[in-house]
Amino acid sequence: MSGPLFSILTSVVGAVHRLGVRGRMRYLARRWPVATPKPRPLRPVIRVTGFFNEVLGIGRGAQMTAGALEGAGYAVVREDLRPLHHKLLSRAPADFDAPAEVWLIHANPPETGLALMAHRAEVWADMYRIAYWVWESDLVPADWVWAAQFMHEIWVPSDFVREAFARSFTAAGQAAEIAKLRVKPHPVRVPEPLAETDRAEVSVLTLFDPRSSLERKNPEAAIRVWRRAFPQASASARLLIKTHSGADRHPACQALRQSVRDRPDIGFMCETLDDAATLALIADSDVVVSLHRGEGFGLPLAEAMAAGKAVLATGWSGNMQFMNANSACPVPFRLIPADKRHNGPAARWAEPDIDAAAESLKKLVADKGLRQRLGAQARTDIAALQQAWAASELFQ
């Protein structure tokens, strides 16, 4: 079977499965131990559960977290979260395959619940439990608050995300959970400086994944900014729009591609790259653009700045943890209601100023010295993020 009927049946089966898993989770959670105050273990073995084997921002974040913990001298046990999702309705909760005093679940509240559900509560009852959560509008979904009761600490990548969770905890009458929040920016590695290139053409890159919401990533705005900056096809600069394999089958992506058929200076890359290839693509660019409406952190932007690239991005949300006017080009914005997927209309996110972004883009393309000055400061600012992962600071 294939076609629309198959898609409908697949969606229905998936929805029924999710409801069944959620119902079983809530049933089991009645016996789960809530996190009562306790001292953090000294120099513990740390189990990190996350999406280690997937090309997702949250998976790369888990890899960075595990690596930073090891760099600070902790013994780390990695556990891939995706296999735990399978057979949750039929499999009994399991034991861990190795002991650890601290359990860090690097996944958002719904998946945190699945990780707890997949293991016997008796096994993790005495563990010190930490969650690492991310969100992209200024108000976290109300049903995410539920999972906080089982965590001793909640790590987030930016002050922006901390405030989004704090608002939701307060709205739910659980303001006491705010004390658990700790800001731990992703420990982005700063590579060795790159050699200068002699090419005449300026390479501009924007990246998005339709699975992360086209409305939030807002690639259409990057195209509008490019057209505003360069009404005629540019002979000295090129915009590359990078997305994932299969995105070209997405109707909205197809419409984007169709909209630039008249512009030989705008190209598309629909290919899933591993982390090394993604970093190489960023390193081969001169400017990275993100006209997002909301980011919990903005990992590709931080990685671009770490590589010494000039970044043009909406001046709102998690990327402002590491961006300022000395190290990047923040774009002015106005706040608007977020879409339904991001808790709108109660929640807000940003609408970037297209005219201002176009003016900044023209300057960046024309002025190599400006790109170099921003890139040099960007590397310094991103290096400072590592301080939160120093052994002396990690559990402060």
Foldseek 3Di string as FASTA:
>chain_A
DDDPVVVVVVVVVVVVVVVLLVVVLVVVCVPADFDDDDDADDLKEEEEEEQCPDLDPLNVLSVLVQVLLVVQPHHYHYHYLVVLPPPLNPDQADADPDDIQEYEYSEAQVSVSSVCSNHDSVRCVRHQYEYEHFAWFQAADLVRLVSLRRHQAYEAAFPSRLRNVCVSCVVVVNNVSSVRYDHQHRLADQDDADDDDDDQAAEEEEEDECVVPCQQQVVVLVVLLVCLLPVAADPRYAYEYEYEAPCCVPVVVVVVVVVCPVHPRYYYHHHDDDPVVLLVVLLPHQEYETAGFTTRACVVVLSSLSNLHEYEYACDYRPVRQDDPQQYHHFDWDKAADDVVRPPPVIITTRGDSNRSSVVVNCSSVDSPSGNRNSVVSSVSSNVSSVCSHSVNVVD
